[in-house]
Amino acid sequence: MAIDLVTRRDWGARAPRGSYTQLASTRGVKVHYTGGLVNPGIVDDHNGCVSLVQSIQRGHQDGNGWLDIGYSFVACPHRKVFEGRGLHHLPAANGPGLNSGHYAVLGLVGNAGLVEPPDGVLHAILDAVEYVRERGDAGLEIKGHRDGYATDCPGEPLYAWVRAGAPRPGGDGGGDDPGDDDPGNGEGGGGPEAPPFPGRLLRYPPVTRGEDVRTWQRQMKARGWDLDVDGAYGAQSRDVCRRFQRQQGVADDGVVGPVTWRLAWEAPLS
């Protein structure tokens, strides 16, 4: 199993302020987001990811009074997994009374700025999931933080991915068992499987151009949306995207990321 692990030493972690509570095994993993602004520039700057993880640790230690960063692992857009509290250590981020049930894995997206999880984040979350299953005695569940706790975390785009079974981008498999809340693929489900996500966000401004834009526009037109299939993602495409996202109950940021791309093919027709 491949994982690009950034150790605590590598990202310059502070020492924990006390001893961890040991964690023998868990039912699986709970997925989190930051809940704040994440600078989209981290997609092109891994040093920005390092700085953000350091900032989160400072906030948890100095602001929350926790002994360390609250997460077991942190997944960044470069498909790297930061070691937080690590294996067999009780996290703090899942909520009172809930930390012993699941490891806590943070995806570096927020509720502003970088909202749609890039493929690298989704891959890294699943790399962390496989890692804790193999070496940390974690069970098969993949849940959102909000499952069993009153919170918006992990945000609509990331939660929609969890609810869809946490698939690997590109269709090469994903989570084995998202838990009892999995909507399944039974009668009345969505359409055909989406083609692989193109690997970049389709957004405006500025205008995004390319065959991936044309492919998405063609599919949206086939779904009945009034949209020019011209390969240019401008104001018209953004507005259609926003209306479609509201229809599907995900964040209406007007950006076609992995979740919105998949829903264009797989969401049931209204």
Protein backbone atom coordinates (compact mmCIF):
# COMPACT_ATOMS: atom_id res chain seq x y z
CA MET A 1 0.00 0.00 0.00
CA ALA A 2 1.46 3.34 -1.08
CA ILE A 3 1.21 6.41 1.13
CA ASP A 4 3.22 9.61 0.82
CA LEU A 5 3.55 10.26 4.54
CA VAL A 6 4.81 13.59 5.86
CA THR A 7 6.11 12.77 9.32
CA ARG A 8 5.78 15.11 12.26
CA ARG A 9 9.47 15.91 12.02
CA ASP A 10 9.13 16.70 8.32
CA TRP A 11 6.35 19.25 8.83
CA GLY A 12 7.91 20.78 11.95
CA ALA A 13 5.28 19.70 14.46
CA ARG A 14 5.47 20.92 18.00
CA ALA A 15 5.85 18.25 20.67
CA PRO A 16 2.59 17.13 22.29
CA ARG A 17 1.85 18.73 25.65
CA GLY A 18 1.31 15.51 27.51
CA SER A 19 0.78 11.82 26.87
CA TYR A 20 -1.66 10.46 24.33
CA THR A 21 -4.49 8.17 25.34
CA GLN A 22 -3.92 4.87 23.58
CA LEU A 23 -6.41 3.67 20.98
CA ALA A 24 -6.50 -0.08 20.41
CA SER A 25 -8.92 -0.18 17.47
CA THR A 26 -11.73 1.84 15.87
CA ARG A 27 -14.80 1.29 13.71
CA GLY A 28 -13.16 3.31 10.95
CA VAL A 29 -12.53 6.94 10.05
CA LYS A 30 -14.38 10.24 10.30
CA VAL A 31 -13.63 12.81 7.61
CA HIS A 32 -13.25 16.51 8.49
CA TYR A 33 -12.67 19.88 6.83
CA THR A 34 -11.15 23.01 8.35
CA GLY A 35 -14.43 24.91 8.67
CA GLY A 36 -12.75 28.17 7.64
CA LEU A 37 -11.02 29.89 4.74
CA VAL A 38 -8.47 27.78 2.88
CA ASN A 39 -6.32 29.67 0.40
CA PRO A 40 -6.76 28.04 -3.04
CA GLY A 41 -3.08 28.79 -3.63
CA ILE A 42 -2.12 25.70 -1.63
CA VAL A 43 -3.09 23.61 -4.66
CA ASP A 44 0.06 24.92 -6.37
CA ASP A 45 2.22 25.43 -3.27
CA HIS A 46 2.92 22.54 -0.91
CA ASN A 47 4.71 24.89 1.48
CA GLY A 48 1.32 26.52 1.97
CA CYS A 49 -0.06 23.15 3.11
CA VAL A 50 2.77 22.81 5.62
CA SER A 51 2.09 26.30 7.00
CA LEU A 52 -1.64 25.57 7.26
CA VAL A 53 -1.10 22.34 9.19
CA GLN A 54 1.29 24.14 11.55
CA SER A 55 -1.33 26.87 12.05
CA ILE A 56 -4.01 24.27 12.84
CA GLN A 57 -1.77 22.67 15.44
CA ARG A 58 -1.09 26.05 17.07
CA GLY A 59 -4.81 26.77 17.18
CA HIS A 60 -5.62 23.43 18.76
CA GLN A 61 -2.87 23.70 21.37
CA ASP A 62 -2.98 27.41 22.18
CA GLY A 63 -6.65 28.11 21.48
CA ASN A 64 -8.43 24.86 22.38
CA GLY A 65 -5.99 23.84 25.08
CA TRP A 66 -5.52 20.40 23.53
CA LEU A 67 -2.29 18.50 23.96
CA ASP A 68 -1.74 18.35 20.18
CA ILE A 69 -3.38 18.82 16.80
CA GLY A 70 -6.77 17.15 17.04
CA TYR A 71 -6.55 15.02 13.89
CA SER A 72 -4.98 11.64 13.36
CA PHE A 73 -3.86 12.55 9.84
CA VAL A 74 -4.24 15.47 7.41
CA ALA A 75 -4.70 15.06 3.64
CA CYS A 76 -3.42 17.78 1.28
CA PRO A 77 -4.02 18.53 -2.42
CA HIS A 78 -0.62 17.09 -3.38
CA ARG A 79 -1.71 13.59 -2.31
CA LYS A 80 0.46 13.81 0.78
CA VAL A 81 -0.68 12.64 4.21
CA PHE A 82 0.55 14.60 7.24
CA GLU A 83 1.02 12.61 10.41
CA GLY A 84 -1.02 14.21 13.17
CA ARG A 85 -1.57 12.22 16.34
CA GLY A 86 -0.94 9.13 14.27
CA LEU A 87 -1.70 5.46 14.81
CA HIS A 88 -3.21 4.13 18.04
CA HIS A 89 -3.54 7.59 19.61
CA LEU A 90 -6.93 9.00 20.60
CA PRO A 91 -7.89 12.01 18.41
CA ALA A 92 -9.68 15.06 19.78
CA ALA A 93 -11.56 16.34 16.73
CA ASN A 94 -14.57 14.00 16.54
CA GLY A 95 -16.38 15.43 19.56
CA PRO A 96 -16.77 14.52 23.24
CA GLY A 97 -17.42 10.81 23.69
CA LEU A 98 -16.88 10.08 20.00
CA ASN A 99 -13.11 10.06 19.65
CA SER A 100 -12.61 6.42 20.57
CA GLY A 101 -14.88 5.27 17.75
CA HIS A 102 -13.00 6.59 14.73
CA TYR A 103 -9.68 7.99 13.60
CA ALA A 104 -10.02 11.65 12.49
CA VAL A 105 -8.75 12.53 9.00
CA LEU A 106 -8.78 16.15 7.87
CA GLY A 107 -9.00 17.13 4.21
CA LEU A 108 -7.44 20.55 3.57
CA VAL A 109 -10.58 22.25 2.25
CA GLY A 110 -12.81 24.76 3.98
CA ASN A 111 -16.08 26.64 3.80
CA ALA A 112 -14.51 29.47 1.77
CA GLY A 113 -11.69 29.69 -0.75
CA LEU A 114 -10.83 26.07 -1.56
CA VAL A 115 -14.22 24.39 -1.03
CA GLU A 116 -14.35 21.60 -3.64
CA PRO A 117 -11.82 18.89 -2.73
CA PRO A 118 -9.23 18.39 -5.48
CA ASP A 119 -8.50 14.82 -6.52
CA GLY A 120 -5.25 14.91 -4.56
CA VAL A 121 -7.13 15.52 -1.31
CA LEU A 122 -9.57 12.67 -1.99
CA HIS A 123 -6.75 10.28 -2.90
CA ALA A 124 -4.80 11.28 0.22
CA ILE A 125 -7.83 10.77 2.49
CA LEU A 126 -8.23 7.27 1.09
CA ASP A 127 -4.49 6.62 1.39
CA ALA A 128 -4.82 7.52 5.08
CA VAL A 129 -7.89 5.29 5.40
CA GLU A 130 -6.01 2.33 3.94
CA TYR A 131 -3.05 3.09 6.20
CA VAL A 132 -5.08 3.07 9.42
CA ARG A 133 -6.89 -0.08 8.33
CA GLU A 134 -3.63 -1.88 7.66
CA ARG A 135 -1.58 -0.62 10.59
CA GLY A 136 -3.98 0.98 13.04
CA ASP A 137 -6.68 -1.70 13.46
CA ALA A 138 -9.35 0.53 11.94
CA GLY A 139 -12.65 -0.90 10.74
CA LEU A 140 -14.33 -0.26 7.40
CA GLU A 141 -16.52 2.73 8.23
CA ILE A 142 -15.94 6.04 6.44
CA LYS A 143 -18.18 8.69 7.97
CA GLY A 144 -18.47 12.45 7.99
CA HIS A 145 -17.83 14.37 11.20
CA ARG A 146 -21.49 15.39 11.16
CA ASP A 147 -22.59 11.75 11.42
CA GLY A 148 -23.49 11.58 15.10
CA TYR A 149 -22.37 15.12 15.95
CA ALA A 150 -24.06 18.51 15.40
CA THR A 151 -21.75 20.25 12.93
CA ASP A 152 -21.53 21.30 9.27
CA CYS A 153 -18.22 19.44 9.00
CA PRO A 154 -16.92 18.17 6.59
CA GLY A 155 -18.83 20.62 4.35
CA GLU A 156 -21.26 19.76 1.58
CA PRO A 157 -18.85 18.80 -1.24
CA LEU A 158 -16.72 16.52 0.91
CA TYR A 159 -19.76 15.04 2.67
CA ALA A 160 -21.44 14.31 -0.67
CA TRP A 161 -18.32 12.34 -1.63
CA VAL A 162 -18.44 10.41 1.66
CA ARG A 163 -22.14 9.67 1.15
CA ALA A 164 -21.39 8.43 -2.36
CA GLY A 165 -19.11 5.77 -0.91
CA ALA A 166 -15.82 7.72 -0.94
CA PRO A 167 -14.82 6.59 -4.46
CA ARG A 168 -11.29 6.93 -5.76
CA PRO A 169 -11.05 9.70 -8.38
CA GLY A 170 -10.73 8.05 -11.76
CA GLY A 171 -12.93 5.14 -10.78
CA ASP A 172 -10.22 2.87 -9.37
CA GLY A 173 -12.08 1.96 -6.22
CA GLY A 174 -12.45 3.60 -2.84
CA GLY A 175 -13.91 3.01 0.58
CA ASP A 176 -15.20 -0.50 1.15
CA ASP A 177 -18.04 0.44 3.47
CA PRO A 178 -19.16 4.02 4.10
CA GLY A 179 -21.32 2.86 7.00
CA ASP A 180 -25.02 2.49 7.59
CA ASP A 181 -25.79 5.87 6.03
CA ASP A 182 -24.65 4.80 2.55
CA PRO A 183 -27.45 5.69 0.10
CA GLY A 184 -26.57 2.71 -2.08
CA ASN A 185 -27.26 2.13 -5.75
CA GLY A 186 -30.68 0.57 -5.50
CA GLU A 187 -33.82 1.19 -7.51
CA GLY A 188 -34.25 4.83 -8.46
CA GLY A 189 -30.50 5.55 -8.38
CA GLY A 190 -28.49 7.83 -10.64
CA GLY A 191 -27.38 7.51 -14.22
CA PRO A 192 -24.26 6.03 -15.81
CA GLU A 193 -20.84 6.21 -14.20
CA ALA A 194 -19.11 9.53 -14.71
CA PRO A 195 -15.94 9.70 -16.79
CA PRO A 196 -12.74 10.40 -14.84
CA PHE A 197 -12.49 13.90 -13.39
CA PRO A 198 -10.15 15.93 -15.64
CA GLY A 199 -7.86 16.91 -12.78
CA ARG A 200 -8.50 20.66 -12.73
CA LEU A 201 -11.33 22.84 -11.46
CA LEU A 202 -13.63 24.36 -14.08
CA ARG A 203 -14.36 27.89 -12.93
CA TYR A 204 -15.07 31.49 -13.96
CA PRO A 205 -13.51 34.06 -13.85
CA PRO A 206 -11.31 33.79 -15.79
CA VAL A 207 -12.85 31.72 -18.58
CA THR A 208 -11.70 28.09 -18.48
CA ARG A 209 -11.37 26.54 -21.94
CA GLY A 210 -10.86 22.98 -23.12
CA GLU A 211 -12.36 19.66 -24.10
CA ASP A 212 -13.10 18.87 -20.45
CA VAL A 213 -15.33 21.94 -20.37
CA ARG A 214 -17.05 20.82 -23.57
CA THR A 215 -17.60 17.33 -22.12
CA TRP A 216 -19.25 18.74 -19.00
CA GLN A 217 -21.35 21.21 -20.99
CA ARG A 218 -22.54 18.43 -23.33
CA GLN A 219 -23.61 16.31 -20.39
CA MET A 220 -25.44 19.20 -18.70
CA LYS A 221 -27.23 19.98 -21.96
CA ALA A 222 -28.23 16.31 -22.18
CA ARG A 223 -29.70 16.66 -18.69
CA GLY A 224 -31.93 19.43 -20.02
CA TRP A 225 -30.01 22.57 -19.04
CA ASP A 226 -29.98 25.51 -21.46
CA LEU A 227 -26.27 25.76 -22.12
CA ASP A 228 -23.98 26.42 -25.08
CA VAL A 229 -21.55 23.58 -25.78
CA ASP A 230 -18.61 25.76 -26.82
CA GLY A 231 -15.75 24.56 -24.61
CA ALA A 232 -15.61 27.89 -22.75
CA TYR A 233 -16.59 27.92 -19.08
CA GLY A 234 -17.85 31.45 -18.60
CA ALA A 235 -20.71 33.21 -16.83
CA GLN A 236 -23.42 31.04 -18.45
CA SER A 237 -21.71 27.79 -17.43
CA ARG A 238 -21.06 29.08 -13.92
CA ASP A 239 -24.71 30.05 -13.45
CA VAL A 240 -25.93 26.67 -14.69
CA CYS A 241 -23.43 25.00 -12.38
CA ARG A 242 -24.70 26.97 -9.39
CA ARG A 243 -28.33 26.09 -10.07
CA PHE A 244 -27.41 22.44 -10.53
CA GLN A 245 -25.41 22.42 -7.27
CA ARG A 246 -28.36 23.90 -5.37
CA GLN A 247 -30.61 21.25 -6.91
CA GLN A 248 -28.24 18.53 -5.70
CA GLY A 249 -27.78 19.98 -2.22
CA VAL A 250 -24.05 20.71 -2.47
CA ALA A 251 -22.19 24.00 -2.03
CA ASP A 252 -23.25 26.36 -4.84
CA ASP A 253 -19.87 27.91 -5.56
CA GLY A 254 -20.18 27.64 -9.34
CA VAL A 255 -17.00 25.57 -9.59
CA VAL A 256 -16.99 22.13 -11.23
CA GLY A 257 -14.85 20.01 -8.93
CA PRO A 258 -14.82 16.22 -8.46
CA VAL A 259 -18.21 16.04 -6.72
CA THR A 260 -20.07 18.33 -9.13
CA TRP A 261 -18.44 16.57 -12.10
CA ARG A 262 -19.59 13.16 -10.88
CA LEU A 263 -23.12 14.34 -10.10
CA ALA A 264 -23.52 15.61 -13.69
CA TRP A 265 -23.60 11.96 -14.79
CA GLU A 266 -24.68 9.98 -11.76
CA ALA A 267 -27.32 12.14 -10.02
CA PRO A 268 -30.94 11.11 -10.68
CA LEU A 269 -32.72 13.28 -13.22
CA SER A 270 -35.16 15.67 -11.59
